[in-house]
Amino acid sequence: MVTGEKMADNPINLHDYSSLQEIYVQDGVVLRPMENKDAKPILDILQADSSIRKRVTVASRLKTEQD
């Protein structure tokens, strides 16, 4: 997405696609959609290393567990 570009009115929810629930990358690395239980550990990591917010757009928007 380009900065300033409006998101779609009906964005796709990746949680609705069973094929995207676990994506095996390599050597035991697995990607999955974020869950509510992930919020606190992620916020702890972002607090420990504030430089992540400068480089990762999604991280820059996470301020509270509700985000």
PDB file of N, CA and C in Angstrom:
ATOM      1  N   MET A   1       0.848  -1.175   0.000  1.00  0.00           N
ATOM      2  CA  MET A   1       0.000   0.000   0.000  1.00  0.00           C
ATOM      3  C   MET A   1       0.890   1.233   0.000  1.00  0.00           C
ATOM      4  N   VAL A   2       0.549   2.187  -0.797  1.00  0.00           N
ATOM      5  CA  VAL A   2       1.277   3.438  -0.876  1.00  0.00           C
ATOM      6  C   VAL A   2       0.812   4.357   0.244  1.00  0.00           C
ATOM      7  N   THR A   3       1.740   5.099   0.838  1.00  0.00           N
ATOM      8  CA  THR A   3       1.384   6.008   1.925  1.00  0.00           C
ATOM      9  C   THR A   3       0.278   6.947   1.471  1.00  0.00           C
ATOM     10  N   GLY A   4      -0.739   7.087   2.295  1.00  0.00           N
ATOM     11  CA  GLY A   4      -1.860   7.957   1.963  1.00  0.00           C
ATOM     12  C   GLY A   4      -2.949   7.268   1.160  1.00  0.00           C
ATOM     13  N   GLU A   5      -2.687   6.057   0.681  1.00  0.00           N
ATOM     14  CA  GLU A   5      -3.676   5.320  -0.106  1.00  0.00           C
ATOM     15  C   GLU A   5      -4.753   4.765   0.821  1.00  0.00           C
ATOM     16  N   LYS A   6      -6.012   4.851   0.401  1.00  0.00           N
ATOM     17  CA  LYS A   6      -7.131   4.375   1.211  1.00  0.00           C
ATOM     18  C   LYS A   6      -7.246   2.862   1.096  1.00  0.00           C
ATOM     19  N   MET A   7      -7.496   2.205   2.249  1.00  0.00           N
ATOM     20  CA  MET A   7      -7.716   0.762   2.240  1.00  0.00           C
ATOM     21  C   MET A   7      -9.085   0.450   1.645  1.00  0.00           C
ATOM     22  N   ALA A   8      -9.235  -0.747   1.153  1.00  0.00           N
ATOM     23  CA  ALA A   8     -10.507  -1.184   0.576  1.00  0.00           C
ATOM     24  C   ALA A   8     -11.600  -1.160   1.637  1.00  0.00           C
ATOM     25  N   ASP A   9     -12.836  -0.898   1.216  1.00  0.00           N
ATOM     26  CA  ASP A   9     -13.962  -0.873   2.137  1.00  0.00           C
ATOM     27  C   ASP A   9     -14.217  -2.236   2.759  1.00  0.00           C
ATOM     28  N   ASN A  10     -13.968  -3.298   2.011  1.00  0.00           N
ATOM     29  CA  ASN A  10     -14.155  -4.665   2.497  1.00  0.00           C
ATOM     30  C   ASN A  10     -12.833  -5.419   2.388  1.00  0.00           C
ATOM     31  N   PRO A  11     -11.895  -5.158   3.304  1.00  0.00           N
ATOM     32  CA  PRO A  11     -10.597  -5.834   3.192  1.00  0.00           C
ATOM     33  C   PRO A  11     -10.737  -7.339   3.382  1.00  0.00           C
ATOM     34  N   ILE A  12      -9.841  -8.079   2.792  1.00  0.00           N
ATOM     35  CA  ILE A  12      -9.834  -9.540   2.905  1.00  0.00           C
ATOM     36  C   ILE A  12      -9.356  -9.919   4.299  1.00  0.00           C
ATOM     37  N   ASN A  13     -10.037 -10.847   4.934  1.00  0.00           N
ATOM     38  CA  ASN A  13      -9.641 -11.355   6.238  1.00  0.00           C
ATOM     39  C   ASN A  13      -8.881 -12.657   6.025  1.00  0.00           C
ATOM     40  N   LEU A  14      -7.566 -12.636   6.217  1.00  0.00           N
ATOM     41  CA  LEU A  14      -6.741 -13.808   5.969  1.00  0.00           C
ATOM     42  C   LEU A  14      -7.051 -14.964   6.920  1.00  0.00           C
ATOM     43  N   HIS A  15      -7.701 -14.668   8.046  1.00  0.00           N
ATOM     44  CA  HIS A  15      -8.096 -15.724   8.978  1.00  0.00           C
ATOM     45  C   HIS A  15      -9.166 -16.627   8.379  1.00  0.00           C
ATOM     46  N   ASP A  16      -9.843 -16.172   7.332  1.00  0.00           N
ATOM     47  CA  ASP A  16     -10.915 -16.944   6.704  1.00  0.00           C
ATOM     48  C   ASP A  16     -10.400 -18.007   5.722  1.00  0.00           C
ATOM     49  N   TYR A  17      -9.109 -18.023   5.446  1.00  0.00           N
ATOM     50  CA  TYR A  17      -8.546 -18.935   4.458  1.00  0.00           C
ATOM     51  C   TYR A  17      -7.747 -20.030   5.156  1.00  0.00           C
ATOM     52  N   SER A  18      -8.258 -21.259   5.123  1.00  0.00           N
ATOM     53  CA  SER A  18      -7.599 -22.361   5.833  1.00  0.00           C
ATOM     54  C   SER A  18      -6.184 -22.608   5.300  1.00  0.00           C
ATOM     55  N   SER A  19      -5.968 -22.347   4.031  1.00  0.00           N
ATOM     56  CA  SER A  19      -4.639 -22.584   3.456  1.00  0.00           C
ATOM     57  C   SER A  19      -3.595 -21.604   3.983  1.00  0.00           C
ATOM     58  N   LEU A  20      -4.026 -20.530   4.634  1.00  0.00           N
ATOM     59  CA  LEU A  20      -3.090 -19.536   5.162  1.00  0.00           C
ATOM     60  C   LEU A  20      -2.919 -19.622   6.676  1.00  0.00           C
ATOM     61  N   GLN A  21      -3.527 -20.616   7.318  1.00  0.00           N
ATOM     62  CA  GLN A  21      -3.433 -20.715   8.770  1.00  0.00           C
ATOM     63  C   GLN A  21      -2.031 -21.075   9.231  1.00  0.00           C
ATOM     64  N   GLU A  22      -1.308 -21.863   8.461  1.00  0.00           N
ATOM     65  CA  GLU A  22       0.083 -22.171   8.739  1.00  0.00           C
ATOM     66  C   GLU A  22       0.806 -22.297   7.413  1.00  0.00           C
ATOM     67  N   ILE A  23       1.833 -21.472   7.242  1.00  0.00           N
ATOM     68  CA  ILE A  23       2.641 -21.526   6.031  1.00  0.00           C
ATOM     69  C   ILE A  23       4.051 -21.919   6.457  1.00  0.00           C
ATOM     70  N   TYR A  24       4.476 -23.102   6.028  1.00  0.00           N
ATOM     71  CA  TYR A  24       5.803 -23.591   6.371  1.00  0.00           C
ATOM     72  C   TYR A  24       6.818 -22.982   5.416  1.00  0.00           C
ATOM     73  N   VAL A  25       7.756 -22.222   5.972  1.00  0.00           N
ATOM     74  CA  VAL A  25       8.731 -21.509   5.157  1.00  0.00           C
ATOM     75  C   VAL A  25       9.944 -22.399   4.920  1.00  0.00           C
ATOM     76  N   GLN A  26      10.711 -22.653   5.963  1.00  0.00           N
ATOM     77  CA  GLN A  26      11.864 -23.559   5.888  1.00  0.00           C
ATOM     78  C   GLN A  26      12.449 -23.749   7.277  1.00  0.00           C
ATOM     79  N   ASP A  27      13.144 -24.829   7.470  1.00  0.00           N
ATOM     80  CA  ASP A  27      13.872 -25.107   8.712  1.00  0.00           C
ATOM     81  C   ASP A  27      13.060 -24.818   9.971  1.00  0.00           C
ATOM     82  N   GLY A  28      11.810 -25.240  10.000  1.00  0.00           N
ATOM     83  CA  GLY A  28      10.990 -25.076  11.190  1.00  0.00           C
ATOM     84  C   GLY A  28      10.366 -23.700  11.355  1.00  0.00           C
ATOM     85  N   VAL A  29      10.526 -22.813  10.384  1.00  0.00           N
ATOM     86  CA  VAL A  29       9.913 -21.485  10.450  1.00  0.00           C
ATOM     87  C   VAL A  29       8.507 -21.574   9.875  1.00  0.00           C
ATOM     88  N   VAL A  30       7.528 -21.142  10.668  1.00  0.00           N
ATOM     89  CA  VAL A  30       6.128 -21.204  10.259  1.00  0.00           C
ATOM     90  C   VAL A  30       5.510 -19.815  10.404  1.00  0.00           C
ATOM     91  N   LEU A  31       4.820 -19.355   9.368  1.00  0.00           N
ATOM     92  CA  LEU A  31       4.070 -18.103   9.429  1.00  0.00           C
ATOM     93  C   LEU A  31       2.621 -18.434   9.703  1.00  0.00           C
ATOM     94  N   ARG A  32       1.965 -17.598  10.504  1.00  0.00           N
ATOM     95  CA  ARG A  32       0.543 -17.776  10.790  1.00  0.00           C
ATOM     96  C   ARG A  32      -0.053 -16.407  11.065  1.00  0.00           C
ATOM     97  N   PRO A  33      -1.370 -16.271  10.928  1.00  0.00           N
ATOM     98  CA  PRO A  33      -2.009 -14.996  11.264  1.00  0.00           C
ATOM     99  C   PRO A  33      -1.816 -14.678  12.751  1.00  0.00           C
ATOM    100  N   MET A  34      -1.707 -13.408  13.070  1.00  0.00           N
ATOM    101  CA  MET A  34      -1.583 -13.002  14.464  1.00  0.00           C
ATOM    102  C   MET A  34      -2.889 -13.270  15.199  1.00  0.00           C
ATOM    103  N   GLU A  35      -2.766 -13.576  16.487  1.00  0.00           N
ATOM    104  CA  GLU A  35      -3.921 -13.812  17.347  1.00  0.00           C
ATOM    105  C   GLU A  35      -3.863 -12.827  18.513  1.00  0.00           C
ATOM    106  N   ASN A  36      -4.970 -12.659  19.205  1.00  0.00           N
ATOM    107  CA  ASN A  36      -5.020 -11.738  20.348  1.00  0.00           C
ATOM    108  C   ASN A  36      -3.940 -12.047  21.376  1.00  0.00           C
ATOM    109  N   LYS A  37      -3.652 -13.325  21.602  1.00  0.00           N
ATOM    110  CA  LYS A  37      -2.653 -13.707  22.599  1.00  0.00           C
ATOM    111  C   LYS A  37      -1.239 -13.265  22.220  1.00  0.00           C
ATOM    112  N   ASP A  38      -1.032 -12.873  20.961  1.00  0.00           N
ATOM    113  CA  ASP A  38       0.280 -12.419  20.502  1.00  0.00           C
ATOM    114  C   ASP A  38       0.573 -10.971  20.895  1.00  0.00           C
ATOM    115  N   ALA A  39      -0.448 -10.226  21.257  1.00  0.00           N
ATOM    116  CA  ALA A  39      -0.305  -8.782  21.469  1.00  0.00           C
ATOM    117  C   ALA A  39       0.729  -8.426  22.537  1.00  0.00           C
ATOM    118  N   LYS A  40       0.609  -8.990  23.724  1.00  0.00           N
ATOM    119  CA  LYS A  40       1.513  -8.619  24.820  1.00  0.00           C
ATOM    120  C   LYS A  40       2.970  -8.938  24.492  1.00  0.00           C
ATOM    121  N   PRO A  41       3.299 -10.155  24.043  1.00  0.00           N
ATOM    122  CA  PRO A  41       4.695 -10.431  23.707  1.00  0.00           C
ATOM    123  C   PRO A  41       5.244  -9.501  22.615  1.00  0.00           C
ATOM    124  N   ILE A  42       4.412  -9.186  21.631  1.00  0.00           N
ATOM    125  CA  ILE A  42       4.858  -8.285  20.567  1.00  0.00           C
ATOM    126  C   ILE A  42       5.114  -6.892  21.121  1.00  0.00           C
ATOM    127  N   LEU A  43       4.214  -6.395  21.949  1.00  0.00           N
ATOM    128  CA  LEU A  43       4.413  -5.073  22.551  1.00  0.00           C
ATOM    129  C   LEU A  43       5.659  -5.045  23.430  1.00  0.00           C
ATOM    130  N   ASP A  44       5.941  -6.141  24.135  1.00  0.00           N
ATOM    131  CA  ASP A  44       7.157  -6.223  24.950  1.00  0.00           C
ATOM    132  C   ASP A  44       8.405  -6.135  24.075  1.00  0.00           C
ATOM    133  N   ILE A  45       8.392  -6.818  22.950  1.00  0.00           N
ATOM    134  CA  ILE A  45       9.516  -6.774  22.010  1.00  0.00           C
ATOM    135  C   ILE A  45       9.693  -5.364  21.464  1.00  0.00           C
ATOM    136  N   LEU A  46       8.586  -4.727  21.078  1.00  0.00           N
ATOM    137  CA  LEU A  46       8.665  -3.365  20.528  1.00  0.00           C
ATOM    138  C   LEU A  46       9.161  -2.374  21.567  1.00  0.00           C
ATOM    139  N   GLN A  47       8.812  -2.583  22.824  1.00  0.00           N
ATOM    140  CA  GLN A  47       9.293  -1.699  23.878  1.00  0.00           C
ATOM    141  C   GLN A  47      10.797  -1.899  24.091  1.00  0.00           C
ATOM    142  N   ALA A  48      11.254  -3.130  23.999  1.00  0.00           N
ATOM    143  CA  ALA A  48      12.673  -3.431  24.200  1.00  0.00           C
ATOM    144  C   ALA A  48      13.535  -2.907  23.056  1.00  0.00           C
ATOM    145  N   ASP A  49      12.987  -2.863  21.841  1.00  0.00           N
ATOM    146  CA  ASP A  49      13.741  -2.388  20.674  1.00  0.00           C
ATOM    147  C   ASP A  49      12.873  -1.428  19.874  1.00  0.00           C
ATOM    148  N   SER A  50      12.908  -0.164  20.234  1.00  0.00           N
ATOM    149  CA  SER A  50      12.047   0.839  19.594  1.00  0.00           C
ATOM    150  C   SER A  50      12.405   1.089  18.128  1.00  0.00           C
ATOM    151  N   SER A  51      13.571   0.662  17.690  1.00  0.00           N
ATOM    152  CA  SER A  51      13.954   0.886  16.290  1.00  0.00           C
ATOM    153  C   SER A  51      13.081   0.082  15.327  1.00  0.00           C
ATOM    154  N   ILE A  52      12.437  -0.984  15.823  1.00  0.00           N
ATOM    155  CA  ILE A  52      11.557  -1.793  14.965  1.00  0.00           C
ATOM    156  C   ILE A  52      10.414  -0.938  14.429  1.00  0.00           C
ATOM    157  N   ARG A  53       9.865  -0.068  15.263  1.00  0.00           N
ATOM    158  CA  ARG A  53       8.738   0.787  14.836  1.00  0.00           C
ATOM    159  C   ARG A  53       9.126   1.699  13.674  1.00  0.00           C
ATOM    160  N   LYS A  54      10.382   2.048  13.573  1.00  0.00           N
ATOM    161  CA  LYS A  54      10.841   2.933  12.496  1.00  0.00           C
ATOM    162  C   LYS A  54      10.949   2.198  11.165  1.00  0.00           C
ATOM    163  N   ARG A  55      11.093   0.868  11.214  1.00  0.00           N
ATOM    164  CA  ARG A  55      11.326   0.101   9.991  1.00  0.00           C
ATOM    165  C   ARG A  55      10.137  -0.747   9.550  1.00  0.00           C
ATOM    166  N   VAL A  56       9.177  -0.992  10.463  1.00  0.00           N
ATOM    167  CA  VAL A  56       8.059  -1.888  10.164  1.00  0.00           C
ATOM    168  C   VAL A  56       6.745  -1.126  10.335  1.00  0.00           C
ATOM    169  N   THR A  57       6.049  -0.900   9.228  1.00  0.00           N
ATOM    170  CA  THR A  57       4.836  -0.088   9.245  1.00  0.00           C
ATOM    171  C   THR A  57       3.798  -0.621  10.218  1.00  0.00           C
ATOM    172  N   VAL A  58       3.530  -1.913  10.191  1.00  0.00           N
ATOM    173  CA  VAL A  58       2.524  -2.488  11.088  1.00  0.00           C
ATOM    174  C   VAL A  58       2.929  -2.260  12.537  1.00  0.00           C
ATOM    175  N   ALA A  59       4.192  -2.462  12.854  1.00  0.00           N
ATOM    176  CA  ALA A  59       4.671  -2.280  14.228  1.00  0.00           C
ATOM    177  C   ALA A  59       4.520  -0.840  14.685  1.00  0.00           C
ATOM    178  N   SER A  60       4.666   0.097  13.775  1.00  0.00           N
ATOM    179  CA  SER A  60       4.548   1.507  14.154  1.00  0.00           C
ATOM    180  C   SER A  60       3.132   1.860  14.588  1.00  0.00           C
ATOM    181  N   ARG A  61       2.160   1.046  14.193  1.00  0.00           N
ATOM    182  CA  ARG A  61       0.756   1.306  14.541  1.00  0.00           C
ATOM    183  C   ARG A  61       0.296   0.574  15.800  1.00  0.00           C
ATOM    184  N   LEU A  62       1.105  -0.336  16.328  1.00  0.00           N
ATOM    185  CA  LEU A  62       0.730  -1.111  17.510  1.00  0.00           C
ATOM    186  C   LEU A  62       1.155  -0.370  18.763  1.00  0.00           C
ATOM    187  N   LYS A  63       0.179   0.135  19.489  1.00  0.00           N
ATOM    188  CA  LYS A  63       0.446   0.888  20.720  1.00  0.00           C
ATOM    189  C   LYS A  63      -0.141   0.200  21.942  1.00  0.00           C
ATOM    190  N   THR A  64      -1.276  -0.491  21.762  1.00  0.00           N
ATOM    191  CA  THR A  64      -1.962  -1.168  22.871  1.00  0.00           C
ATOM    192  C   THR A  64      -2.344  -2.582  22.433  1.00  0.00           C
ATOM    193  N   GLU A  65      -2.748  -3.407  23.372  1.00  0.00           N
ATOM    194  CA  GLU A  65      -3.160  -4.771  23.045  1.00  0.00           C
ATOM    195  C   GLU A  65      -4.411  -4.787  22.169  1.00  0.00           C
ATOM    196  N   GLN A  66      -5.210  -3.732  22.194  1.00  0.00           N
ATOM    197  CA  GLN A  66      -6.417  -3.671  21.367  1.00  0.00           C
ATOM    198  C   GLN A  66      -6.087  -3.361  19.904  1.00  0.00           C
ATOM    199  N   ASP A  67      -4.928  -2.768  19.637  1.00  0.00           N
ATOM    200  CA  ASP A  67      -4.542  -2.456  18.260  1.00  0.00           C
ATOM    201  C   ASP A  67      -4.303  -3.730  17.485  1.00  0.00           C
TER     202      ASP A  67
END
